[in-house]
Amino acid sequence: MNNTVVKNENGLVGEGIGFERIRRITGYLVGTLDRFNNGKRAEVNDRVKHGLTKNN
């Protein structure tokens, strides 16, 4: 895995730019789970969570 940090003259690339988390669940792209029924919420909870690790 490549953990390259890209900097320019203004700091980190992408720093200060907001983003929204989008997930694909049962074929739907969603930002929040507000409109999901109990079955789809259970699917989200049952999934394996992947994360990033820092190699400092």
C-alpha atoms as a PDB file:
ATOM      1  CA  MET A   1       0.000   0.000   0.000  1.00  0.00           C
ATOM      2  CA  ASN A   2       1.305   3.427  -0.911  1.00  0.00           C
ATOM      3  CA  ASN A   3       0.982   5.988   1.906  1.00  0.00           C
ATOM      4  CA  THR A   4       2.434   8.942   0.002  1.00  0.00           C
ATOM      5  CA  VAL A   5       1.559  12.391   1.351  1.00  0.00           C
ATOM      6  CA  VAL A   6       1.413  14.980  -1.409  1.00  0.00           C
ATOM      7  CA  LYS A   7       2.271  18.568  -0.525  1.00  0.00           C
ATOM      8  CA  ASN A   8       2.363  21.729  -2.556  1.00  0.00           C
ATOM      9  CA  GLU A   9       3.286  25.313  -1.726  1.00  0.00           C
ATOM     10  CA  ASN A  10      -0.053  25.791   0.084  1.00  0.00           C
ATOM     11  CA  GLY A  11       0.122  22.678   2.303  1.00  0.00           C
ATOM     12  CA  LEU A  12      -1.373  19.234   1.867  1.00  0.00           C
ATOM     13  CA  VAL A  13      -3.247  18.520  -1.345  1.00  0.00           C
ATOM     14  CA  GLY A  14      -6.982  18.460  -0.575  1.00  0.00           C
ATOM     15  CA  GLU A  15      -6.546  20.085   2.829  1.00  0.00           C
ATOM     16  CA  GLY A  16      -9.577  22.151   3.843  1.00  0.00           C
ATOM     17  CA  ILE A  17     -11.856  20.635   1.194  1.00  0.00           C
ATOM     18  CA  GLY A  18     -14.957  19.010   2.616  1.00  0.00           C
ATOM     19  CA  PHE A  19     -16.293  15.681   1.433  1.00  0.00           C
ATOM     20  CA  GLU A  20     -19.302  13.497   2.024  1.00  0.00           C
ATOM     21  CA  ARG A  21     -19.016   9.785   2.715  1.00  0.00           C
ATOM     22  CA  ILE A  22     -20.865   7.754   0.105  1.00  0.00           C
ATOM     23  CA  ARG A  23     -21.455   4.028   0.550  1.00  0.00           C
ATOM     24  CA  ARG A  24     -22.872   1.385  -1.747  1.00  0.00           C
ATOM     25  CA  ILE A  25     -25.343  -0.819   0.104  1.00  0.00           C
ATOM     26  CA  THR A  26     -27.448  -3.429  -1.713  1.00  0.00           C
ATOM     27  CA  GLY A  27     -26.827  -1.607  -4.977  1.00  0.00           C
ATOM     28  CA  TYR A  28     -27.774   1.856  -3.720  1.00  0.00           C
ATOM     29  CA  LEU A  29     -25.375   4.781  -3.280  1.00  0.00           C
ATOM     30  CA  VAL A  30     -26.234   6.502  -0.010  1.00  0.00           C
ATOM     31  CA  GLY A  31     -24.748   9.147   2.233  1.00  0.00           C
ATOM     32  CA  THR A  32     -26.788   8.424   5.361  1.00  0.00           C
ATOM     33  CA  LEU A  33     -28.871   5.505   6.608  1.00  0.00           C
ATOM     34  CA  ASP A  34     -31.883   7.641   7.535  1.00  0.00           C
ATOM     35  CA  ARG A  35     -34.227   6.075   5.000  1.00  0.00           C
ATOM     36  CA  PHE A  36     -33.093   2.450   5.374  1.00  0.00           C
ATOM     37  CA  ASN A  37     -35.324  -0.205   6.872  1.00  0.00           C
ATOM     38  CA  ASN A  38     -34.141  -2.568   9.633  1.00  0.00           C
ATOM     39  CA  GLY A  39     -32.927  -5.205   7.154  1.00  0.00           C
ATOM     40  CA  LYS A  40     -30.615  -2.844   5.304  1.00  0.00           C
ATOM     41  CA  ARG A  41     -29.362  -1.341   8.568  1.00  0.00           C
ATOM     42  CA  ALA A  42     -28.572  -4.872   9.798  1.00  0.00           C
ATOM     43  CA  GLU A  43     -26.616  -5.506   6.588  1.00  0.00           C
ATOM     44  CA  VAL A  44     -24.534  -2.396   7.238  1.00  0.00           C
ATOM     45  CA  ASN A  45     -23.801  -3.529  10.814  1.00  0.00           C
ATOM     46  CA  ASP A  46     -22.860  -7.055   9.683  1.00  0.00           C
ATOM     47  CA  ARG A  47     -20.302  -5.923   7.110  1.00  0.00           C
ATOM     48  CA  VAL A  48     -16.575  -6.077   7.758  1.00  0.00           C
ATOM     49  CA  LYS A  49     -15.194  -2.607   8.409  1.00  0.00           C
ATOM     50  CA  HIS A  50     -11.950  -1.750   6.629  1.00  0.00           C
ATOM     51  CA  GLY A  51      -9.711   1.071   7.733  1.00  0.00           C
ATOM     52  CA  LEU A  52      -6.481   2.780   6.932  1.00  0.00           C
ATOM     53  CA  THR A  53      -3.375   2.236   8.999  1.00  0.00           C
ATOM     54  CA  LYS A  54      -0.542   4.676   9.393  1.00  0.00           C
ATOM     55  CA  ASN A  55       3.003   3.394   9.051  1.00  0.00           C
ATOM     56  CA  ASN A  56       4.829   6.109  10.982  1.00  0.00           C
END
